[in-house]
Amino acid sequence: MTSLKNRGSIFKLYSWIPLLVLFISVMNEFDFNYLNLKYFSFNFPFILIFFFTLKDFKNFDYFLVFLAGLINDTVVGLPLGISSLSYLLICLATSYFRNITIRPNPVKDWFYFLFIISLINSINYSILTLFFSFNLVLMSYLVNTFFTFLFYIIFRVFRGSLNGPDGMVIPFPIQLISLKQTKLISYFIDLS
């Protein structure tokens, strides 16, 4: 079977999609105020960074994650560097978890994610209230942690079904291209 790394420009384009989605998500602060839901928020960049760092994605560079944090601080109006610190701590903790894990388990990953986002949100809350005198509501951080925790497993189930050879996460169209050699899929879908 041909390696997906030798596919050419299509694979190179798709390998940058996670970073593109990360930059779009930090520029588009997800806000559900128009739905009049007072206690509903989640942190999609946390989910993306944890998942793609855990999967050791090829082009998910920590410097670009740092830049995404700076952009997020600018968009949200936080002191410059708070989100970058959070994102880099997630990358650091996740890469450590990836290196010590012998057998990956989605449930263990999920609860480790809860521990990491709880730690990051408590650090953010402490820094913003103690050093920058922000008046923050602790309940909003708890709700954000809870919904981010819930949405991670949904994201994991959706993205986990699209794994390629050696557990490498690949986008859906490339997965269909790699299935071209199997007889079952070539009977139903003409991939050539």
N, C-alpha and C. Protein backbone atom coordinates (compact mmCIF):
# COMPACT_ATOMS: atom_id res chain seq x y z
N MET A 1 0.84 -1.18 0.00
CA MET A 1 0.00 0.00 0.00
C MET A 1 0.89 1.24 0.00
N THR A 2 0.49 2.21 -0.74
CA THR A 2 1.27 3.43 -0.87
C THR A 2 1.14 4.26 0.40
N SER A 3 2.21 4.87 0.79
CA SER A 3 2.21 5.70 1.97
C SER A 3 1.47 7.01 1.67
N LEU A 4 0.73 7.48 2.66
CA LEU A 4 0.01 8.73 2.47
C LEU A 4 0.95 9.93 2.46
N LYS A 5 2.14 9.76 3.00
CA LYS A 5 3.09 10.88 3.03
C LYS A 5 3.62 11.20 1.64
N ASN A 6 3.51 10.29 0.70
CA ASN A 6 3.99 10.51 -0.66
C ASN A 6 2.87 10.89 -1.61
N ARG A 7 1.76 11.37 -1.12
CA ARG A 7 0.61 11.70 -1.95
C ARG A 7 0.77 13.00 -2.72
N GLY A 8 1.61 13.87 -2.26
CA GLY A 8 1.83 15.11 -3.00
C GLY A 8 1.16 16.29 -2.36
N SER A 9 0.77 17.23 -3.20
CA SER A 9 0.27 18.52 -2.72
C SER A 9 -1.07 18.42 -2.01
N ILE A 10 -1.89 17.44 -2.36
CA ILE A 10 -3.19 17.30 -1.69
C ILE A 10 -2.99 16.98 -0.22
N PHE A 11 -2.08 16.04 0.05
CA PHE A 11 -1.82 15.70 1.44
C PHE A 11 -1.18 16.85 2.20
N LYS A 12 -0.30 17.61 1.55
CA LYS A 12 0.33 18.75 2.20
C LYS A 12 -0.71 19.80 2.56
N LEU A 13 -1.67 20.00 1.68
CA LEU A 13 -2.74 20.95 1.96
C LEU A 13 -3.58 20.49 3.14
N TYR A 14 -3.95 19.22 3.15
CA TYR A 14 -4.77 18.69 4.24
C TYR A 14 -4.01 18.58 5.55
N SER A 15 -2.71 18.50 5.50
CA SER A 15 -1.95 18.40 6.75
C SER A 15 -1.91 19.72 7.51
N TRP A 16 -2.24 20.81 6.86
CA TRP A 16 -2.28 22.11 7.52
C TRP A 16 -3.67 22.48 8.02
N ILE A 17 -4.67 21.66 7.77
CA ILE A 17 -6.05 21.96 8.16
C ILE A 17 -6.21 22.16 9.67
N PRO A 18 -5.62 21.32 10.54
CA PRO A 18 -5.80 21.56 11.99
C PRO A 18 -5.31 22.94 12.44
N LEU A 19 -4.19 23.40 11.91
CA LEU A 19 -3.72 24.73 12.29
C LEU A 19 -4.62 25.83 11.72
N LEU A 20 -5.12 25.61 10.52
CA LEU A 20 -6.05 26.57 9.94
C LEU A 20 -7.32 26.66 10.78
N VAL A 21 -7.84 25.53 11.21
CA VAL A 21 -9.03 25.52 12.07
C VAL A 21 -8.74 26.18 13.41
N LEU A 22 -7.54 25.95 13.95
CA LEU A 22 -7.16 26.59 15.21
C LEU A 22 -7.14 28.11 15.06
N PHE A 23 -6.53 28.61 13.99
CA PHE A 23 -6.47 30.07 13.80
C PHE A 23 -7.85 30.65 13.55
N ILE A 24 -8.70 29.93 12.83
CA ILE A 24 -10.07 30.42 12.62
C ILE A 24 -10.83 30.45 13.93
N SER A 25 -10.62 29.42 14.77
CA SER A 25 -11.37 29.38 16.03
C SER A 25 -10.90 30.44 17.02
N VAL A 26 -9.63 30.83 16.99
CA VAL A 26 -9.20 31.90 17.91
C VAL A 26 -9.57 33.28 17.37
N MET A 27 -9.73 33.41 16.07
CA MET A 27 -10.16 34.69 15.51
C MET A 27 -11.67 34.87 15.63
N ASN A 28 -12.40 33.78 15.69
CA ASN A 28 -13.85 33.78 15.77
C ASN A 28 -14.27 33.44 17.17
N GLU A 29 -14.17 34.26 18.11
CA GLU A 29 -14.51 33.89 19.48
C GLU A 29 -15.93 33.32 19.49
N PHE A 30 -16.05 32.02 19.80
CA PHE A 30 -17.36 31.36 19.84
C PHE A 30 -18.20 32.03 20.93
N ASP A 31 -19.32 32.57 20.52
CA ASP A 31 -20.15 33.28 21.47
C ASP A 31 -21.60 32.91 21.20
N PHE A 32 -22.29 32.47 22.24
CA PHE A 32 -23.68 32.05 22.09
C PHE A 32 -24.63 33.02 22.78
N ASN A 33 -24.26 34.30 22.81
CA ASN A 33 -25.12 35.29 23.45
C ASN A 33 -26.43 35.48 22.68
N TYR A 34 -26.41 35.30 21.37
CA TYR A 34 -27.62 35.49 20.59
C TYR A 34 -28.64 34.38 20.84
N LEU A 35 -28.22 33.26 21.46
CA LEU A 35 -29.16 32.20 21.82
C LEU A 35 -29.74 32.39 23.21
N ASN A 36 -29.32 33.44 23.92
CA ASN A 36 -29.74 33.73 25.28
C ASN A 36 -29.46 32.58 26.24
N LEU A 37 -28.35 31.90 26.05
CA LEU A 37 -27.91 30.85 26.97
C LEU A 37 -26.84 31.46 27.86
N LYS A 38 -27.21 31.69 29.12
CA LYS A 38 -26.30 32.40 30.02
C LYS A 38 -25.11 31.54 30.39
N TYR A 39 -25.35 30.29 30.72
CA TYR A 39 -24.27 29.43 31.19
C TYR A 39 -23.95 28.35 30.16
N PHE A 40 -23.50 28.79 29.01
CA PHE A 40 -23.04 27.83 28.01
C PHE A 40 -21.84 28.42 27.29
N SER A 41 -20.70 27.84 27.52
CA SER A 41 -19.49 28.23 26.79
C SER A 41 -18.53 27.06 26.81
N PHE A 42 -17.71 27.00 25.80
CA PHE A 42 -16.68 25.98 25.74
C PHE A 42 -15.47 26.57 25.03
N ASN A 43 -14.34 25.93 25.24
CA ASN A 43 -13.09 26.44 24.70
C ASN A 43 -12.61 25.48 23.61
N PHE A 44 -13.00 25.75 22.39
CA PHE A 44 -12.66 24.89 21.27
C PHE A 44 -11.15 24.83 20.99
N PRO A 45 -10.41 25.93 21.13
CA PRO A 45 -8.95 25.82 20.94
C PRO A 45 -8.29 24.84 21.92
N PHE A 46 -8.78 24.75 23.16
CA PHE A 46 -8.25 23.76 24.09
C PHE A 46 -8.42 22.35 23.55
N ILE A 47 -9.60 22.09 22.99
CA ILE A 47 -9.88 20.75 22.44
C ILE A 47 -8.95 20.46 21.27
N LEU A 48 -8.81 21.42 20.37
CA LEU A 48 -7.95 21.22 19.20
C LEU A 48 -6.49 21.00 19.60
N ILE A 49 -6.00 21.83 20.49
CA ILE A 49 -4.60 21.73 20.89
C ILE A 49 -4.33 20.41 21.60
N PHE A 50 -5.21 20.03 22.52
CA PHE A 50 -5.01 18.78 23.24
C PHE A 50 -5.05 17.59 22.29
N PHE A 51 -6.04 17.56 21.42
CA PHE A 51 -6.21 16.41 20.53
C PHE A 51 -5.05 16.26 19.56
N PHE A 52 -4.68 17.34 18.90
CA PHE A 52 -3.64 17.22 17.88
C PHE A 52 -2.23 17.13 18.47
N THR A 53 -2.04 17.61 19.68
CA THR A 53 -0.76 17.37 20.35
C THR A 53 -0.68 15.93 20.83
N LEU A 54 -1.81 15.40 21.29
CA LEU A 54 -1.84 14.01 21.73
C LEU A 54 -1.60 13.05 20.57
N LYS A 55 -2.11 13.39 19.40
CA LYS A 55 -1.92 12.55 18.22
C LYS A 55 -0.58 12.80 17.53
N ASP A 56 0.20 13.75 18.06
CA ASP A 56 1.51 14.10 17.51
C ASP A 56 1.40 14.42 16.02
N PHE A 57 0.51 15.35 15.71
CA PHE A 57 0.26 15.71 14.33
C PHE A 57 1.47 16.42 13.74
N LYS A 58 1.74 16.14 12.49
CA LYS A 58 2.98 16.55 11.82
C LYS A 58 3.22 18.06 11.83
N ASN A 59 2.27 18.84 11.40
CA ASN A 59 2.49 20.28 11.24
C ASN A 59 1.97 21.11 12.40
N PHE A 60 1.64 20.48 13.51
CA PHE A 60 1.09 21.21 14.66
C PHE A 60 2.25 21.72 15.50
N ASP A 61 2.84 22.83 15.06
CA ASP A 61 4.03 23.38 15.67
C ASP A 61 3.68 24.24 16.88
N TYR A 62 4.48 24.17 17.93
CA TYR A 62 4.20 24.89 19.17
C TYR A 62 4.35 26.40 18.98
N PHE A 63 5.22 26.84 18.10
CA PHE A 63 5.36 28.27 17.84
C PHE A 63 4.08 28.82 17.22
N LEU A 64 3.47 28.07 16.31
CA LEU A 64 2.21 28.52 15.71
C LEU A 64 1.07 28.50 16.73
N VAL A 65 1.13 27.56 17.67
CA VAL A 65 0.15 27.54 18.76
C VAL A 65 0.34 28.78 19.64
N PHE A 66 1.59 29.15 19.89
CA PHE A 66 1.89 30.37 20.64
C PHE A 66 1.32 31.60 19.92
N LEU A 67 1.51 31.68 18.61
CA LEU A 67 0.95 32.81 17.84
C LEU A 67 -0.56 32.82 17.89
N ALA A 68 -1.17 31.63 17.86
CA ALA A 68 -2.64 31.56 17.98
C ALA A 68 -3.09 32.10 19.32
N GLY A 69 -2.31 31.85 20.37
CA GLY A 69 -2.64 32.39 21.69
C GLY A 69 -2.54 33.91 21.72
N LEU A 70 -1.54 34.46 21.06
CA LEU A 70 -1.42 35.93 20.99
C LEU A 70 -2.61 36.54 20.24
N ILE A 71 -3.02 35.89 19.16
CA ILE A 71 -4.18 36.37 18.41
C ILE A 71 -5.44 36.29 19.27
N ASN A 72 -5.58 35.19 20.03
CA ASN A 72 -6.74 35.03 20.91
C ASN A 72 -6.77 36.12 21.97
N ASP A 73 -5.62 36.45 22.54
CA ASP A 73 -5.57 37.53 23.54
C ASP A 73 -5.99 38.86 22.94
N THR A 74 -5.59 39.10 21.72
CA THR A 74 -5.95 40.35 21.05
C THR A 74 -7.45 40.41 20.77
N VAL A 75 -8.02 39.30 20.32
CA VAL A 75 -9.45 39.26 19.99
C VAL A 75 -10.31 39.36 21.25
N VAL A 76 -9.95 38.63 22.28
CA VAL A 76 -10.76 38.58 23.50
C VAL A 76 -10.55 39.79 24.38
N GLY A 77 -9.36 40.36 24.36
CA GLY A 77 -9.06 41.53 25.19
C GLY A 77 -8.37 41.17 26.49
N LEU A 78 -7.72 40.03 26.53
CA LEU A 78 -6.96 39.64 27.71
C LEU A 78 -5.56 40.22 27.63
N PRO A 79 -4.85 40.28 28.76
CA PRO A 79 -3.44 40.72 28.70
C PRO A 79 -2.64 39.79 27.79
N LEU A 80 -1.78 40.38 27.00
CA LEU A 80 -1.04 39.65 25.99
C LEU A 80 -0.16 38.56 26.62
N GLY A 81 -0.36 37.32 26.20
CA GLY A 81 0.44 36.20 26.67
C GLY A 81 -0.30 35.22 27.56
N ILE A 82 -1.48 35.57 28.04
CA ILE A 82 -2.22 34.67 28.93
C ILE A 82 -2.67 33.42 28.17
N SER A 83 -3.28 33.60 27.02
CA SER A 83 -3.73 32.44 26.23
C SER A 83 -2.54 31.66 25.69
N SER A 84 -1.49 32.35 25.32
CA SER A 84 -0.29 31.66 24.83
C SER A 84 0.30 30.77 25.91
N LEU A 85 0.35 31.28 27.13
CA LEU A 85 0.82 30.47 28.25
C LEU A 85 -0.07 29.26 28.45
N SER A 86 -1.38 29.47 28.37
CA SER A 86 -2.33 28.35 28.53
C SER A 86 -2.14 27.32 27.44
N TYR A 87 -2.04 27.77 26.20
CA TYR A 87 -1.90 26.84 25.08
C TYR A 87 -0.59 26.06 25.16
N LEU A 88 0.49 26.74 25.54
CA LEU A 88 1.77 26.05 25.65
C LEU A 88 1.80 25.07 26.82
N LEU A 89 1.12 25.40 27.91
CA LEU A 89 1.02 24.45 29.03
C LEU A 89 0.22 23.22 28.64
N ILE A 90 -0.81 23.41 27.83
CA ILE A 90 -1.57 22.25 27.32
C ILE A 90 -0.67 21.40 26.43
N CYS A 91 0.08 22.03 25.55
CA CYS A 91 1.00 21.29 24.67
C CYS A 91 2.04 20.52 25.49
N LEU A 92 2.59 21.17 26.50
CA LEU A 92 3.61 20.54 27.33
C LEU A 92 3.04 19.34 28.09
N ALA A 93 1.89 19.53 28.74
CA ALA A 93 1.29 18.44 29.51
C ALA A 93 0.84 17.30 28.61
N THR A 94 0.32 17.63 27.43
CA THR A 94 -0.15 16.59 26.52
C THR A 94 1.00 15.81 25.91
N SER A 95 2.08 16.48 25.57
CA SER A 95 3.22 15.75 25.02
C SER A 95 3.85 14.86 26.09
N TYR A 96 3.85 15.30 27.34
CA TYR A 96 4.32 14.45 28.42
C TYR A 96 3.41 13.22 28.57
N PHE A 97 2.11 13.45 28.54
CA PHE A 97 1.15 12.35 28.65
C PHE A 97 1.29 11.37 27.49
N ARG A 98 1.51 11.89 26.28
CA ARG A 98 1.70 11.03 25.11
C ARG A 98 2.95 10.17 25.26
N ASN A 99 4.01 10.73 25.83
CA ASN A 99 5.27 9.99 25.97
C ASN A 99 5.22 8.92 27.06
N ILE A 100 4.42 9.12 28.11
CA ILE A 100 4.37 8.12 29.17
C ILE A 100 3.29 7.08 28.94
N THR A 101 2.41 7.29 27.98
CA THR A 101 1.32 6.36 27.73
C THR A 101 1.81 5.18 26.90
N ILE A 102 1.55 3.98 27.42
CA ILE A 102 1.92 2.77 26.68
C ILE A 102 0.78 2.37 25.75
N ARG A 103 -0.42 2.29 26.28
CA ARG A 103 -1.60 1.97 25.48
C ARG A 103 -2.58 3.12 25.54
N PRO A 104 -2.84 3.76 24.43
CA PRO A 104 -3.80 4.87 24.45
C PRO A 104 -5.20 4.37 24.79
N ASN A 105 -5.88 5.13 25.61
CA ASN A 105 -7.24 4.82 26.01
C ASN A 105 -8.04 6.11 25.97
N PRO A 106 -9.13 6.16 25.19
CA PRO A 106 -9.88 7.41 25.07
C PRO A 106 -10.45 7.92 26.40
N VAL A 107 -10.84 7.01 27.29
CA VAL A 107 -11.41 7.45 28.56
C VAL A 107 -10.33 8.07 29.45
N LYS A 108 -9.15 7.47 29.47
CA LYS A 108 -8.04 8.05 30.23
C LYS A 108 -7.63 9.39 29.64
N ASP A 109 -7.60 9.48 28.32
CA ASP A 109 -7.30 10.75 27.67
C ASP A 109 -8.32 11.81 28.06
N TRP A 110 -9.58 11.40 28.10
CA TRP A 110 -10.67 12.32 28.41
C TRP A 110 -10.53 12.88 29.82
N PHE A 111 -10.24 12.02 30.78
CA PHE A 111 -10.11 12.49 32.16
C PHE A 111 -8.81 13.26 32.37
N TYR A 112 -7.77 12.92 31.64
CA TYR A 112 -6.55 13.72 31.70
C TYR A 112 -6.81 15.11 31.12
N PHE A 113 -7.62 15.16 30.08
CA PHE A 113 -8.01 16.44 29.51
C PHE A 113 -8.77 17.28 30.54
N LEU A 114 -9.66 16.64 31.32
CA LEU A 114 -10.38 17.35 32.38
C LEU A 114 -9.40 17.92 33.40
N PHE A 115 -8.42 17.13 33.79
CA PHE A 115 -7.42 17.60 34.74
C PHE A 115 -6.64 18.79 34.18
N ILE A 116 -6.23 18.69 32.93
CA ILE A 116 -5.43 19.76 32.31
C ILE A 116 -6.24 21.05 32.17
N ILE A 117 -7.47 20.96 31.67
CA ILE A 117 -8.23 22.20 31.48
C ILE A 117 -8.65 22.80 32.82
N SER A 118 -8.86 21.96 33.83
CA SER A 118 -9.15 22.50 35.17
C SER A 118 -7.95 23.24 35.71
N LEU A 119 -6.78 22.66 35.53
CA LEU A 119 -5.55 23.31 35.98
C LEU A 119 -5.31 24.62 35.22
N ILE A 120 -5.48 24.59 33.91
CA ILE A 120 -5.26 25.79 33.08
C ILE A 120 -6.26 26.89 33.44
N ASN A 121 -7.53 26.52 33.59
CA ASN A 121 -8.52 27.54 33.93
C ASN A 121 -8.29 28.11 35.33
N SER A 122 -7.82 27.28 36.27
CA SER A 122 -7.54 27.82 37.60
C SER A 122 -6.32 28.74 37.57
N ILE A 123 -5.32 28.40 36.76
CA ILE A 123 -4.16 29.29 36.61
C ILE A 123 -4.58 30.61 35.97
N ASN A 124 -5.40 30.53 34.92
CA ASN A 124 -5.90 31.75 34.27
C ASN A 124 -6.69 32.61 35.25
N TYR A 125 -7.59 31.98 35.99
CA TYR A 125 -8.42 32.71 36.95
C TYR A 125 -7.55 33.39 38.00
N SER A 126 -6.56 32.65 38.50
CA SER A 126 -5.68 33.21 39.54
C SER A 126 -4.86 34.38 39.01
N ILE A 127 -4.28 34.22 37.84
CA ILE A 127 -3.46 35.30 37.26
C ILE A 127 -4.30 36.54 36.97
N LEU A 128 -5.47 36.33 36.37
CA LEU A 128 -6.29 37.48 35.98
C LEU A 128 -6.88 38.21 37.19
N THR A 129 -7.19 37.49 38.26
CA THR A 129 -7.76 38.18 39.42
C THR A 129 -6.68 38.76 40.34
N LEU A 130 -5.58 38.04 40.53
CA LEU A 130 -4.55 38.52 41.46
C LEU A 130 -3.66 39.61 40.87
N PHE A 131 -3.21 39.42 39.64
CA PHE A 131 -2.24 40.34 39.07
C PHE A 131 -2.87 41.45 38.22
N PHE A 132 -3.99 41.15 37.58
CA PHE A 132 -4.58 42.14 36.68
C PHE A 132 -5.90 42.70 37.19
N SER A 133 -6.35 42.27 38.36
CA SER A 133 -7.56 42.78 39.03
C SER A 133 -8.81 42.71 38.16
N PHE A 134 -8.94 41.62 37.42
CA PHE A 134 -10.16 41.39 36.65
C PHE A 134 -11.24 40.90 37.61
N ASN A 135 -12.47 41.33 37.40
CA ASN A 135 -13.60 40.82 38.17
C ASN A 135 -14.23 39.68 37.37
N LEU A 136 -13.86 38.46 37.70
CA LEU A 136 -14.32 37.29 36.96
C LEU A 136 -15.29 36.49 37.82
N VAL A 137 -16.22 35.84 37.16
CA VAL A 137 -17.18 34.98 37.84
C VAL A 137 -16.64 33.56 37.75
N LEU A 138 -16.44 32.94 38.91
CA LEU A 138 -15.89 31.59 38.95
C LEU A 138 -16.84 30.59 38.30
N MET A 139 -18.13 30.83 38.38
CA MET A 139 -19.11 29.92 37.80
C MET A 139 -18.94 29.82 36.28
N SER A 140 -18.58 30.91 35.64
CA SER A 140 -18.39 30.86 34.18
C SER A 140 -17.19 29.98 33.82
N TYR A 141 -16.14 30.01 34.64
CA TYR A 141 -15.00 29.12 34.40
C TYR A 141 -15.37 27.66 34.62
N LEU A 142 -16.18 27.40 35.63
CA LEU A 142 -16.61 26.02 35.88
C LEU A 142 -17.49 25.48 34.76
N VAL A 143 -18.40 26.32 34.29
CA VAL A 143 -19.26 25.92 33.17
C VAL A 143 -18.44 25.71 31.91
N ASN A 144 -17.49 26.59 31.66
CA ASN A 144 -16.61 26.46 30.50
C ASN A 144 -15.82 25.16 30.57
N THR A 145 -15.29 24.83 31.74
CA THR A 145 -14.53 23.59 31.91
C THR A 145 -15.42 22.38 31.68
N PHE A 146 -16.64 22.42 32.21
CA PHE A 146 -17.56 21.29 32.06
C PHE A 146 -17.93 21.05 30.60
N PHE A 147 -18.33 22.10 29.89
CA PHE A 147 -18.74 21.92 28.50
C PHE A 147 -17.56 21.61 27.58
N THR A 148 -16.40 22.15 27.87
CA THR A 148 -15.21 21.79 27.09
C THR A 148 -14.89 20.32 27.29
N PHE A 149 -15.02 19.85 28.53
CA PHE A 149 -14.81 18.44 28.85
C PHE A 149 -15.80 17.56 28.08
N LEU A 150 -17.06 17.94 28.04
CA LEU A 150 -18.07 17.14 27.32
C LEU A 150 -17.84 17.15 25.81
N PHE A 151 -17.51 18.30 25.27
CA PHE A 151 -17.33 18.39 23.82
C PHE A 151 -16.05 17.70 23.34
N TYR A 152 -15.09 17.51 24.23
CA TYR A 152 -13.87 16.80 23.81
C TYR A 152 -14.18 15.37 23.38
N ILE A 153 -15.00 14.67 24.13
CA ILE A 153 -15.27 13.27 23.78
C ILE A 153 -16.06 13.18 22.49
N ILE A 154 -16.92 14.15 22.24
CA ILE A 154 -17.65 14.17 20.96
C ILE A 154 -16.67 14.41 19.82
N PHE A 155 -15.76 15.36 20.01
CA PHE A 155 -14.73 15.63 19.00
C PHE A 155 -13.83 14.41 18.81
N ARG A 156 -13.49 13.75 19.91
CA ARG A 156 -12.62 12.57 19.85
C ARG A 156 -13.29 11.43 19.09
N VAL A 157 -14.57 11.21 19.34
CA VAL A 157 -15.29 10.14 18.63
C VAL A 157 -15.38 10.47 17.15
N PHE A 158 -15.67 11.73 16.83
CA PHE A 158 -15.77 12.12 15.42
C PHE A 158 -14.43 12.02 14.71
N ARG A 159 -13.38 12.56 15.30
CA ARG A 159 -12.06 12.56 14.65
C ARG A 159 -11.34 11.22 14.79
N GLY A 160 -11.63 10.47 15.84
CA GLY A 160 -10.95 9.19 16.06
C GLY A 160 -11.32 8.15 15.02
N SER A 161 -12.47 8.31 14.39
CA SER A 161 -12.87 7.35 13.38
C SER A 161 -12.15 7.58 12.06
N LEU A 162 -11.41 8.67 11.94
CA LEU A 162 -10.73 9.02 10.70
C LEU A 162 -9.22 8.82 10.80
N ASN A 163 -8.77 7.84 11.55
CA ASN A 163 -7.34 7.60 11.71
C ASN A 163 -6.79 6.80 10.54
N GLY A 164 -5.59 7.11 10.15
CA GLY A 164 -4.92 6.43 9.06
C GLY A 164 -3.94 5.40 9.57
N PRO A 165 -2.96 5.04 8.75
CA PRO A 165 -1.97 4.07 9.17
C PRO A 165 -1.12 4.61 10.31
N ASP A 166 -0.76 3.77 11.21
CA ASP A 166 0.05 4.11 12.39
C ASP A 166 -0.64 5.12 13.29
N GLY A 167 -1.98 5.16 13.27
CA GLY A 167 -2.72 6.06 14.14
C GLY A 167 -2.66 7.51 13.75
N MET A 168 -2.11 7.83 12.57
CA MET A 168 -1.99 9.21 12.14
C MET A 168 -3.37 9.74 11.76
N VAL A 169 -3.72 10.90 12.25
CA VAL A 169 -5.01 11.50 11.96
C VAL A 169 -4.94 12.13 10.58
N ILE A 170 -5.89 11.73 9.74
CA ILE A 170 -5.93 12.28 8.39
C ILE A 170 -7.34 12.75 8.07
N PRO A 171 -7.48 13.74 7.23
CA PRO A 171 -8.81 14.20 6.84
C PRO A 171 -9.55 13.14 6.03
N PHE A 172 -10.87 13.28 5.97
CA PHE A 172 -11.73 12.28 5.37
C PHE A 172 -11.46 12.00 3.89
N PRO A 173 -11.28 13.01 3.02
CA PRO A 173 -11.05 12.68 1.60
C PRO A 173 -9.79 11.86 1.36
N ILE A 174 -8.75 12.12 2.13
CA ILE A 174 -7.53 11.33 1.94
C ILE A 174 -7.73 9.91 2.44
N GLN A 175 -8.60 9.75 3.45
CA GLN A 175 -8.88 8.40 3.93
C GLN A 175 -9.56 7.60 2.82
N LEU A 176 -10.45 8.22 2.06
CA LEU A 176 -11.10 7.50 0.97
C LEU A 176 -10.09 7.15 -0.13
N ILE A 177 -9.13 8.04 -0.37
CA ILE A 177 -8.10 7.74 -1.36
C ILE A 177 -7.27 6.54 -0.91
N SER A 178 -6.97 6.46 0.39
CA SER A 178 -6.16 5.34 0.88
C SER A 178 -6.93 4.04 0.86
N LEU A 179 -8.26 4.10 0.86
CA LEU A 179 -9.07 2.90 0.82
C LEU A 179 -9.31 2.41 -0.61
N LYS A 180 -8.69 3.05 -1.57
CA LYS A 180 -8.89 2.72 -2.97
C LYS A 180 -8.49 1.28 -3.28
N GLN A 181 -7.50 0.75 -2.57
CA GLN A 181 -7.02 -0.60 -2.84
C GLN A 181 -7.98 -1.67 -2.33
N THR A 182 -8.84 -1.34 -1.38
CA THR A 182 -9.75 -2.36 -0.87
C THR A 182 -10.87 -2.61 -1.86
N LYS A 183 -11.27 -3.86 -1.96
CA LYS A 183 -12.30 -4.24 -2.94
C LYS A 183 -13.67 -3.72 -2.56
N LEU A 184 -13.99 -3.72 -1.28
CA LEU A 184 -15.33 -3.35 -0.84
C LEU A 184 -15.66 -1.90 -1.22
N ILE A 185 -14.76 -0.99 -0.96
CA ILE A 185 -15.06 0.41 -1.25
C ILE A 185 -15.02 0.69 -2.75
N SER A 186 -14.20 -0.03 -3.49
CA SER A 186 -14.12 0.24 -4.92
C SER A 186 -15.35 -0.27 -5.66
N TYR A 187 -16.12 -1.18 -5.08
CA TYR A 187 -17.37 -1.60 -5.69
C TYR A 187 -18.45 -0.54 -5.59
N PHE A 188 -18.45 0.21 -4.48
CA PHE A 188 -19.51 1.17 -4.24
C PHE A 188 -19.17 2.60 -4.65
N ILE A 189 -17.91 2.95 -4.60
CA ILE A 189 -17.52 4.32 -4.92
C ILE A 189 -16.39 4.27 -5.95
N ASP A 190 -16.57 5.00 -7.02
CA ASP A 190 -15.51 5.07 -8.01
C ASP A 190 -14.52 6.16 -7.58
N LEU A 191 -13.35 5.74 -7.12
CA LEU A 191 -12.39 6.69 -6.60
C LEU A 191 -11.33 7.10 -7.59
N SER A 192 -11.37 6.58 -8.78
CA SER A 192 -10.32 6.95 -9.73
C SER A 192 -10.68 8.16 -10.55
